C-alpha atoms as a PDB file:
ATOM      1  CA  MET A   1       0.000   0.000   0.000  1.00  0.00           C
ATOM      2  CA  GLY A   2       1.367   3.414  -0.977  1.00  0.00           C
ATOM      3  CA  ALA A   3       1.934   6.282   1.454  1.00  0.00           C
ATOM      4  CA  ALA A   4      -1.061   8.243   0.149  1.00  0.00           C
ATOM      5  CA  LYS A   5      -3.411   5.275   0.584  1.00  0.00           C
ATOM      6  CA  ARG A   6      -2.113   4.675   4.102  1.00  0.00           C
ATOM      7  CA  LEU A   7      -2.820   8.309   5.010  1.00  0.00           C
ATOM      8  CA  VAL A   8      -6.345   8.088   3.612  1.00  0.00           C
ATOM      9  CA  LYS A   9      -6.983   4.821   5.427  1.00  0.00           C
ATOM     10  CA  ARG A  10      -5.757   6.305   8.698  1.00  0.00           C
ATOM     11  CA  ALA A  11      -7.899   9.415   8.226  1.00  0.00           C
ATOM     12  CA  LEU A  12     -10.992   7.306   7.597  1.00  0.00           C
ATOM     13  CA  GLU A  13     -10.451   4.964  10.552  1.00  0.00           C
ATOM     14  CA  PRO A  14     -12.500   7.026  13.069  1.00  0.00           C
ATOM     15  CA  VAL A  15     -15.442   7.096  10.663  1.00  0.00           C
ATOM     16  CA  TYR A  16     -15.132   3.378  10.004  1.00  0.00           C
ATOM     17  CA  CYS A  17     -14.966   2.608  13.727  1.00  0.00           C
ATOM     18  CA  THR A  18     -18.013   4.718  14.519  1.00  0.00           C
ATOM     19  CA  VAL A  19     -20.117   2.979  11.873  1.00  0.00           C
ATOM     20  CA  ALA A  20     -18.766  -0.488  12.704  1.00  0.00           C
ATOM     21  CA  SER A  21     -19.428  -0.046  16.425  1.00  0.00           C
ATOM     22  CA  ARG A  22     -23.075   0.774  15.710  1.00  0.00           C
ATOM     23  CA  PHE A  23     -23.302  -2.427  13.707  1.00  0.00           C
ATOM     24  CA  SER A  24     -21.709  -4.327  16.609  1.00  0.00           C
ATOM     25  CA  ARG A  25     -24.328  -2.996  19.020  1.00  0.00           C
ATOM     26  CA  VAL A  26     -27.193  -4.215  16.813  1.00  0.00           C
ATOM     27  CA  ARG A  27     -25.459  -7.494  15.949  1.00  0.00           C
ATOM     28  CA  PHE A  28     -24.930  -8.629  19.517  1.00  0.00           C
ATOM     29  CA  ALA A  29     -28.325  -7.401  20.648  1.00  0.00           C
ATOM     30  CA  LEU A  30     -29.772  -9.949  18.237  1.00  0.00           C
ATOM     31  CA  VAL A  31     -27.263 -12.812  18.334  1.00  0.00           C
ATOM     32  CA  LYS A  32     -25.139 -14.069  21.214  1.00  0.00           C
ATOM     33  CA  PRO A  33     -21.493 -14.747  20.268  1.00  0.00           C
ATOM     34  CA  VAL A  34     -20.662 -18.381  19.549  1.00  0.00           C
ATOM     35  CA  ILE A  35     -16.987 -17.988  20.467  1.00  0.00           C
ATOM     36  CA  PRO A  36     -16.690 -18.257  24.289  1.00  0.00           C
ATOM     37  CA  GLN A  37     -13.456 -16.259  24.672  1.00  0.00           C
ATOM     38  CA  LEU A  38     -13.096 -12.471  24.361  1.00  0.00           C
ATOM     39  CA  GLU A  39      -9.891 -10.461  24.009  1.00  0.00           C
ATOM     40  CA  ILE A  40     -10.284  -6.770  24.817  1.00  0.00           C
ATOM     41  CA  GLY A  41      -7.877  -4.159  23.460  1.00  0.00           C
ATOM     42  CA  SER A  42      -6.439  -6.735  21.086  1.00  0.00           C
ATOM     43  CA  GLY A  43      -5.162  -4.383  18.402  1.00  0.00           C
ATOM     44  CA  PRO A  44      -5.727  -5.184  14.709  1.00  0.00           C
ATOM     45  CA  VAL A  45      -5.598  -8.969  14.973  1.00  0.00           C
ATOM     46  CA  LYS A  46      -7.827 -12.013  14.791  1.00  0.00           C
ATOM     47  CA  ARG A  47      -6.990 -15.327  16.445  1.00  0.00           C
ATOM     48  CA  ASP A  48      -8.551 -18.760  16.437  1.00  0.00           C
ATOM     49  CA  GLY A  49     -10.876 -19.417  19.336  1.00  0.00           C
ATOM     50  CA  TRP A  50     -11.078 -15.786  20.398  1.00  0.00           C
ATOM     51  CA  LEU A  51     -13.351 -12.852  19.630  1.00  0.00           C
ATOM     52  CA  THR A  52     -11.072  -9.825  19.347  1.00  0.00           C
ATOM     53  CA  LEU A  53     -12.323  -6.356  20.274  1.00  0.00           C
ATOM     54  CA  ASP A  54     -10.766  -2.923  19.880  1.00  0.00           C
ATOM     55  CA  TRP A  55     -11.326   0.511  18.322  1.00  0.00           C
ATOM     56  CA  CYS A  56      -9.472  -0.095  15.058  1.00  0.00           C
ATOM     57  CA  TYR A  57      -9.442  -1.911  11.736  1.00  0.00           C
ATOM     58  CA  GLY A  58      -8.887  -5.668  11.594  1.00  0.00           C
ATOM     59  CA  VAL A  59     -10.764  -6.915  14.659  1.00  0.00           C
ATOM     60  CA  ASP A  60     -13.859  -9.073  15.071  1.00  0.00           C
ATOM     61  CA  VAL A  61     -15.704  -6.421  17.072  1.00  0.00           C
ATOM     62  CA  VAL A  62     -15.103  -2.687  16.743  1.00  0.00           C
ATOM     63  CA  TRP A  63     -15.856  -1.100  20.108  1.00  0.00           C
ATOM     64  CA  ASP A  64     -14.809   1.755  22.393  1.00  0.00           C
ATOM     65  CA  LEU A  65     -13.877   0.167  25.722  1.00  0.00           C
ATOM     66  CA  ARG A  66     -14.953   3.293  27.566  1.00  0.00           C
ATOM     67  CA  LYS A  67     -18.519   2.280  26.755  1.00  0.00           C
ATOM     68  CA  THR A  68     -20.544  -0.631  28.130  1.00  0.00           C
ATOM     69  CA  LEU A  69     -19.621  -3.820  26.279  1.00  0.00           C
ATOM     70  CA  PRO A  70     -22.228  -4.843  23.675  1.00  0.00           C
ATOM     71  CA  PHE A  71     -22.799  -8.300  25.140  1.00  0.00           C
ATOM     72  CA  ALA A  72     -25.396  -9.873  27.398  1.00  0.00           C
ATOM     73  CA  ASP A  73     -24.586 -10.902  30.955  1.00  0.00           C
ATOM     74  CA  SER A  74     -22.681 -14.177  31.415  1.00  0.00           C
ATOM     75  CA  THR A  75     -21.632 -14.484  27.761  1.00  0.00           C
ATOM     76  CA  PHE A  76     -17.969 -15.548  27.934  1.00  0.00           C
ATOM     77  CA  ALA A  77     -15.976 -18.275  29.646  1.00  0.00           C
ATOM     78  CA  ARG A  78     -12.752 -16.251  29.470  1.00  0.00           C
ATOM     79  CA  VAL A  79     -11.794 -12.618  28.937  1.00  0.00           C
ATOM     80  CA  TYR A  80      -8.202 -11.625  28.204  1.00  0.00           C
ATOM     81  CA  GLY A  81      -6.537  -8.223  28.106  1.00  0.00           C
ATOM     82  CA  SER A  82      -2.862  -7.637  27.352  1.00  0.00           C
ATOM     83  CA  HIS A  83      -1.338  -4.223  28.037  1.00  0.00           C
ATOM     84  CA  VAL A  84      -4.674  -2.453  27.843  1.00  0.00           C
ATOM     85  CA  LEU A  85      -5.792  -1.638  31.406  1.00  0.00           C
ATOM     86  CA  GLU A  86      -2.975   0.857  31.963  1.00  0.00           C
ATOM     87  CA  HIS A  87      -4.390   3.083  29.215  1.00  0.00           C
ATOM     88  CA  PHE A  88      -7.544   3.962  31.192  1.00  0.00           C
ATOM     89  CA  ARG A  89      -8.158   6.626  33.784  1.00  0.00           C
ATOM     90  CA  TYR A  90      -9.239   5.210  37.120  1.00  0.00           C
ATOM     91  CA  THR A  91     -12.966   5.886  36.676  1.00  0.00           C
ATOM     92  CA  ASP A  92     -12.971   4.197  33.262  1.00  0.00           C
ATOM     93  CA  LEU A  93     -10.831   1.332  34.559  1.00  0.00           C
ATOM     94  CA  LYS A  94     -13.220   0.702  37.446  1.00  0.00           C
ATOM     95  CA  ARG A  95     -16.208   0.626  35.103  1.00  0.00           C
ATOM     96  CA  LEU A  96     -14.425  -1.624  32.583  1.00  0.00           C
ATOM     97  CA  LEU A  97     -13.494  -4.226  35.209  1.00  0.00           C
ATOM     98  CA  ALA A  98     -17.082  -4.256  36.469  1.00  0.00           C
ATOM     99  CA  ASP A  99     -18.359  -4.708  32.915  1.00  0.00           C
ATOM    100  CA  VAL A 100     -15.921  -7.549  32.213  1.00  0.00           C
ATOM    101  CA  TYR A 101     -17.206  -9.197  35.397  1.00  0.00           C
ATOM    102  CA  ARG A 102     -20.757  -8.800  34.074  1.00  0.00           C
ATOM    103  CA  VAL A 103     -20.120 -10.470  30.698  1.00  0.00           C
ATOM    104  CA  LEU A 104     -18.198 -13.391  32.213  1.00  0.00           C
ATOM    105  CA  ARG A 105     -20.074 -16.590  32.973  1.00  0.00           C
ATOM    106  CA  PRO A 106     -20.176 -17.766  36.612  1.00  0.00           C
ATOM    107  CA  GLY A 107     -16.819 -19.440  37.219  1.00  0.00           C
ATOM    108  CA  GLY A 108     -15.312 -17.670  34.185  1.00  0.00           C
ATOM    109  CA  GLU A 109     -11.731 -16.412  34.103  1.00  0.00           C
ATOM    110  CA  LEU A 110     -10.176 -13.001  33.601  1.00  0.00           C
ATOM    111  CA  LEU A 111      -6.594 -13.180  32.336  1.00  0.00           C
ATOM    112  CA  ILE A 112      -4.549  -9.977  32.508  1.00  0.00           C
ATOM    113  CA  ALA A 113      -1.139  -8.791  31.386  1.00  0.00           C
ATOM    114  CA  VAL A 114       0.030  -5.274  32.297  1.00  0.00           C
ATOM    115  CA  PRO A 115       3.379  -3.488  32.589  1.00  0.00           C
ATOM    116  CA  ASP A 116       4.855  -4.154  36.026  1.00  0.00           C
ATOM    117  CA  ALA A 117       5.544  -0.676  37.388  1.00  0.00           C
ATOM    118  CA  SER A 118       7.322  -2.135  40.412  1.00  0.00           C
ATOM    119  CA  LEU A 119      10.265  -3.082  38.177  1.00  0.00           C
ATOM    120  CA  TYR A 120      10.877   0.587  37.473  1.00  0.00           C
ATOM    121  CA  VAL A 121      10.258   1.784  41.028  1.00  0.00           C
ATOM    122  CA  ASP A 122      12.656  -0.839  42.354  1.00  0.00           C
ATOM    123  CA  ALA A 123      15.251   0.180  39.768  1.00  0.00           C
ATOM    124  CA  TYR A 124      14.871   3.831  40.782  1.00  0.00           C
ATOM    125  CA  VAL A 125      15.326   3.113  44.491  1.00  0.00           C
ATOM    126  CA  LYS A 126      18.324   0.851  43.889  1.00  0.00           C
ATOM    127  CA  ARG A 127      19.724   2.990  41.045  1.00  0.00           C
ATOM    128  CA  LEU A 128      19.689   0.061  38.618  1.00  0.00           C
ATOM    129  CA  ASP A 129      20.100   0.345  34.858  1.00  0.00           C
ATOM    130  CA  THR A 130      16.746   0.161  33.023  1.00  0.00           C
ATOM    131  CA  THR A 131      18.005   0.384  29.456  1.00  0.00           C
ATOM    132  CA  HIS A 132      16.874  -3.188  28.776  1.00  0.00           C
ATOM    133  CA  LEU A 133      13.343  -2.301  29.899  1.00  0.00           C
ATOM    134  CA  GLN A 134      12.887   0.884  27.897  1.00  0.00           C
ATOM    135  CA  ARG A 135      12.176  -0.458  24.404  1.00  0.00           C
ATOM    136  CA  TYR A 136       9.534   2.001  23.171  1.00  0.00           C
ATOM    137  CA  ALA A 137      11.742   4.688  21.674  1.00  0.00           C
ATOM    138  CA  PRO A 138       9.203   7.585  21.558  1.00  0.00           C
ATOM    139  CA  ALA A 139       8.829   7.412  25.358  1.00  0.00           C
ATOM    140  CA  VAL A 140      12.557   7.263  26.208  1.00  0.00           C
ATOM    141  CA  ILE A 141      13.690  10.609  27.670  1.00  0.00           C
ATOM    142  CA  SER A 142      17.155  10.197  29.162  1.00  0.00           C
ATOM    143  CA  SER A 143      19.336   7.903  31.247  1.00  0.00           C
ATOM    144  CA  GLN A 144      18.344   9.677  34.465  1.00  0.00           C
ATOM    145  CA  PRO A 145      16.735   7.343  37.042  1.00  0.00           C
ATOM    146  CA  MET A 146      13.679   9.589  37.407  1.00  0.00           C
ATOM    147  CA  ASP A 147      13.137   9.536  33.662  1.00  0.00           C
ATOM    148  CA  ALA A 148      12.862   5.752  33.804  1.00  0.00           C
ATOM    149  CA  LEU A 149       9.804   6.371  35.994  1.00  0.00           C
ATOM    150  CA  ASN A 150       8.550   9.002  33.554  1.00  0.00           C
ATOM    151  CA  TYR A 151       8.966   6.460  30.767  1.00  0.00           C
ATOM    152  CA  MET A 152       6.735   3.903  32.488  1.00  0.00           C
ATOM    153  CA  PHE A 153       4.188   6.162  34.159  1.00  0.00           C
ATOM    154  CA  TYR A 154       3.514   8.389  31.148  1.00  0.00           C
ATOM    155  CA  MET A 155       4.718   6.370  28.114  1.00  0.00           C
ATOM    156  CA  ASP A 156       4.682   9.405  25.825  1.00  0.00           C
ATOM    157  CA  GLY A 157       1.126  10.214  26.931  1.00  0.00           C
ATOM    158  CA  HIS A 158      -0.323   6.708  26.553  1.00  0.00           C
ATOM    159  CA  HIS A 159      -0.338   5.478  30.163  1.00  0.00           C
ATOM    160  CA  ARG A 160      -2.885   6.702  32.704  1.00  0.00           C
ATOM    161  CA  PHE A 161      -2.908   4.159  35.562  1.00  0.00           C
ATOM    162  CA  MET A 162      -0.101   1.869  36.635  1.00  0.00           C
ATOM    163  CA  PHE A 163       0.047  -1.428  38.491  1.00  0.00           C
ATOM    164  CA  ASP A 164       2.051  -3.719  40.675  1.00  0.00           C
ATOM    165  CA  GLU A 165       0.790  -7.116  41.818  1.00  0.00           C
ATOM    166  CA  GLU A 166      -0.755  -5.743  44.995  1.00  0.00           C
ATOM    167  CA  ASN A 167      -2.894  -2.975  43.526  1.00  0.00           C
ATOM    168  CA  LEU A 168      -3.870  -4.961  40.411  1.00  0.00           C
ATOM    169  CA  THR A 169      -5.174  -7.704  42.687  1.00  0.00           C
ATOM    170  CA  PHE A 170      -6.946  -5.129  44.854  1.00  0.00           C
ATOM    171  CA  HIS A 171      -8.796  -3.478  41.976  1.00  0.00           C
ATOM    172  CA  CYS A 172      -9.852  -6.811  40.497  1.00  0.00           C
ATOM    173  CA  ARG A 173     -11.215  -7.911  43.863  1.00  0.00           C
ATOM    174  CA  GLN A 174     -13.055  -4.607  44.185  1.00  0.00           C
ATOM    175  CA  ALA A 175     -14.819  -5.484  40.924  1.00  0.00           C
ATOM    176  CA  GLY A 176     -15.964  -8.785  42.465  1.00  0.00           C
ATOM    177  CA  PHE A 177     -13.311 -11.206  41.244  1.00  0.00           C
ATOM    178  CA  VAL A 178     -11.882 -13.917  43.491  1.00  0.00           C
ATOM    179  CA  ASP A 179      -8.847 -16.224  43.429  1.00  0.00           C
ATOM    180  CA  CYS A 180      -6.699 -13.442  41.940  1.00  0.00           C
ATOM    181  CA  ARG A 181      -3.236 -14.927  41.551  1.00  0.00           C
ATOM    182  CA  ARG A 182      -0.084 -14.175  39.669  1.00  0.00           C
ATOM    183  CA  ARG A 183       0.314 -16.504  36.704  1.00  0.00           C
ATOM    184  CA  PRO A 184       3.279 -17.404  34.458  1.00  0.00           C
ATOM    185  CA  PHE A 185       3.758 -16.272  30.867  1.00  0.00           C
ATOM    186  CA  GLU A 186       1.564 -18.376  28.580  1.00  0.00           C
ATOM    187  CA  SER A 187       2.974 -19.062  25.115  1.00  0.00           C
ATOM    188  CA  GLY A 188       0.385 -18.585  22.397  1.00  0.00           C
ATOM    189  CA  LEU A 189      -1.568 -16.168  24.566  1.00  0.00           C
ATOM    190  CA  ASP A 190       0.792 -13.548  25.968  1.00  0.00           C
ATOM    191  CA  LEU A 191       3.135 -11.355  23.929  1.00  0.00           C
ATOM    192  CA  GLU A 192       6.708 -12.611  24.087  1.00  0.00           C
ATOM    193  CA  SER A 193       7.912  -9.156  23.052  1.00  0.00           C
ATOM    194  CA  ARG A 194       6.452  -7.680  26.276  1.00  0.00           C
ATOM    195  CA  ASP A 195       7.454 -10.453  28.671  1.00  0.00           C
ATOM    196  CA  HIS A 196      10.479  -8.517  29.954  1.00  0.00           C
ATOM    197  CA  GLU A 197       8.216  -5.982  31.703  1.00  0.00           C
ATOM    198  CA  SER A 198       4.928  -7.782  32.193  1.00  0.00           C
ATOM    199  CA  LEU A 199       2.906  -8.735  35.239  1.00  0.00           C
ATOM    200  CA  TYR A 200       0.417 -11.577  34.649  1.00  0.00           C
ATOM    201  CA  LEU A 201      -2.685 -12.206  36.735  1.00  0.00           C
ATOM    202  CA  ARG A 202      -5.540 -14.730  36.654  1.00  0.00           C
ATOM    203  CA  CYS A 203      -8.871 -14.031  38.402  1.00  0.00           C
ATOM    204  CA  ARG A 204     -12.199 -15.822  38.552  1.00  0.00           C
ATOM    205  CA  LYS A 205     -15.835 -14.788  38.748  1.00  0.00           C
ATOM    206  CA  PRO A 206     -17.492 -16.721  41.600  1.00  0.00           C
ATOM    207  CA  ALA A 207     -19.449 -19.723  40.352  1.00  0.00           C
ATOM    208  CA  ASP A 208     -22.508 -18.720  42.370  1.00  0.00           C
ATOM    209  CA  GLN A 209     -22.761 -15.249  40.815  1.00  0.00           C
ATOM    210  CA  ARG A 210     -24.774 -14.305  37.734  1.00  0.00           C
END
């Protein structure tokens, strides 16, 4: 695709997403998804066995995650989100976690991957080198220890709420989830390219909740 076509496609993406999201609302009001696994904030990808959702081209469901998910209660057995929760302000994050809880079936799982901010805080306190962690060039500021924190906490304007294991577990439990435990990297699910900085968590919706 030429540069001019790419520019046009990018310019039209908001219009496409707005129209496609309206279709998604009607579609899932009429028909319940057959695929039992949902990936939120997936980016422009599709994967076998999963329904991918994001505000972009190339996904199964075009949707703004700041809005209530277009699915009925207790629709999915699993919901997965990789490096998406940190992009929401607290009020939106709180609502999103509650909505994910709603669309999960009783006993369903929430699988999360987020940047582990504690790696950077620990490096700052101990004055450790973080060059190997800072791989997103637009957000790299300098070699100063404080700027390693700026890199993670602001990420060139993309990050709005950061996590360590303790507060990620807390906020998931506040949404109603139980059995929130750190999990290992899962090949075929998690992004190997983000493993160096990721915190992985698995939570469950209680089996006796609707």
